[in-house]
Amino acid sequence: MLANTPAPPYYAVIFTTYRTATDSAYEEMAKEMVRLVTLQPGYLGHESARNELGITISYWESLEAIKAWKVQSYHQLAQKYGREKWYTAFKTRIALVERDYGMNT
């Protein structure tokens, strides 16, 4: 499902990953991150896909909202586990969305 974003401008956080073979509690943490992020002020929605390469794009009202999510305590724990056991590589990019358009959205 495509995220229902407002009229621009807003921000996108693009999180791209390669996973390890370790699944130890990954799915549980991913579900909890989705639950928690929906409660985060300034969160607008997200889209995610995974094959060999995983991409999650979350949408935000402001840079301040993104920073607040980055330092949320349980999210910091997920980041720690990601570095230690779930990802062989990852990249986070933050972009200002100035235009959006589509079809059947």
Protein backbone atom coordinates (compact mmCIF):
# COMPACT_ATOMS: atom_id res chain seq x y z
CA MET A 1 0.00 0.00 0.00
CA LEU A 2 1.25 3.48 -0.82
CA ALA A 3 1.53 5.98 2.03
CA ASN A 4 -1.11 8.70 2.02
CA THR A 5 1.17 11.74 2.20
CA PRO A 6 0.07 15.37 2.38
CA ALA A 7 0.83 18.04 -0.18
CA PRO A 8 4.57 18.82 -0.20
CA PRO A 9 6.84 19.89 1.22
CA TYR A 10 7.59 17.06 3.63
CA TYR A 11 10.59 14.81 4.25
CA ALA A 12 11.44 11.26 3.24
CA VAL A 13 13.85 9.03 5.13
CA ILE A 14 15.12 6.31 2.80
CA PHE A 15 16.57 3.32 4.68
CA THR A 16 18.27 0.77 2.42
CA THR A 17 19.62 -2.51 3.82
CA TYR A 18 21.23 -5.85 3.15
CA ARG A 19 20.28 -8.44 5.76
CA THR A 20 22.38 -11.08 7.45
CA ALA A 21 21.14 -14.67 7.68
CA THR A 22 20.24 -14.02 11.35
CA ASP A 23 16.52 -13.67 11.99
CA SER A 24 16.80 -13.64 15.78
CA ALA A 25 13.82 -11.48 16.86
CA TYR A 26 13.99 -9.37 13.67
CA GLU A 27 10.32 -9.74 12.71
CA GLU A 28 9.14 -8.98 16.24
CA MET A 29 11.27 -5.84 16.36
CA ALA A 30 10.11 -4.75 12.91
CA LYS A 31 6.46 -5.06 14.00
CA GLU A 32 7.16 -3.10 17.17
CA MET A 33 8.93 -0.36 15.18
CA VAL A 34 5.86 0.00 12.94
CA ARG A 35 3.60 0.19 16.00
CA LEU A 36 5.78 2.79 17.71
CA VAL A 37 6.48 4.96 14.68
CA THR A 38 2.75 5.39 14.05
CA LEU A 39 2.55 7.02 17.49
CA GLN A 40 5.47 9.37 16.79
CA PRO A 41 4.54 13.05 16.32
CA GLY A 42 5.26 14.20 12.76
CA TYR A 43 5.14 10.69 11.21
CA LEU A 44 3.16 10.65 7.95
CA GLY A 45 3.45 7.04 6.76
CA HIS A 46 5.86 4.59 5.18
CA GLU A 47 6.39 2.13 2.33
CA SER A 48 8.64 -0.92 2.43
CA ALA A 49 9.87 -3.67 0.11
CA ARG A 50 12.40 -6.46 0.51
CA ASN A 51 14.03 -8.95 -1.79
CA GLU A 52 17.80 -9.20 -1.57
CA LEU A 53 17.86 -5.45 -1.00
CA GLY A 54 15.45 -3.94 1.52
CA ILE A 55 14.11 -0.41 1.19
CA THR A 56 11.89 1.38 3.67
CA ILE A 57 10.85 4.96 3.04
CA SER A 58 9.21 6.83 5.88
CA TYR A 59 7.60 10.24 5.48
CA TRP A 60 7.80 13.07 8.01
CA GLU A 61 6.49 16.58 8.59
CA SER A 62 9.86 18.01 9.66
CA LEU A 63 13.53 17.38 10.33
CA GLU A 64 12.78 17.80 14.03
CA ALA A 65 10.28 14.91 13.90
CA ILE A 66 12.89 12.74 12.17
CA LYS A 67 15.47 13.59 14.85
CA ALA A 68 12.99 12.78 17.62
CA TRP A 69 12.34 9.34 16.10
CA LYS A 70 16.07 8.67 15.71
CA VAL A 71 16.62 9.12 19.45
CA GLN A 72 13.47 7.28 20.62
CA SER A 73 14.81 4.71 23.11
CA TYR A 74 13.35 1.52 21.64
CA HIS A 75 14.28 2.67 18.13
CA GLN A 76 17.86 3.13 19.37
CA LEU A 77 17.81 -0.48 20.57
CA ALA A 78 16.64 -1.60 17.12
CA GLN A 79 19.46 0.43 15.55
CA LYS A 80 21.98 -1.28 17.86
CA TYR A 81 20.72 -4.77 16.96
CA GLY A 82 20.71 -3.83 13.29
CA ARG A 83 24.38 -2.91 13.41
CA GLU A 84 25.31 -5.94 15.54
CA LYS A 85 23.32 -8.79 13.98
CA TRP A 86 20.67 -7.99 11.35
CA TYR A 87 22.41 -5.98 8.61
CA THR A 88 25.57 -6.54 6.61
CA ALA A 89 25.20 -3.02 5.18
CA PHE A 90 22.77 -0.13 5.42
CA LYS A 91 22.41 3.46 4.26
CA THR A 92 20.06 6.18 5.50
CA ARG A 93 19.23 9.16 3.31
CA ILE A 94 17.02 12.12 4.20
CA ALA A 95 15.40 14.11 1.41
CA LEU A 96 13.00 17.02 1.10
CA VAL A 97 10.02 16.09 -1.05
CA GLU A 98 9.10 19.12 -3.13
CA ARG A 99 6.69 17.47 -5.55
CA ASP A 100 4.66 14.32 -5.65
CA TYR A 101 2.10 12.98 -8.09
CA GLY A 102 0.76 9.61 -9.06
CA MET A 103 -2.04 7.44 -10.29
CA ASN A 104 -4.59 5.43 -8.29
CA THR A 105 -3.18 6.65 -4.98
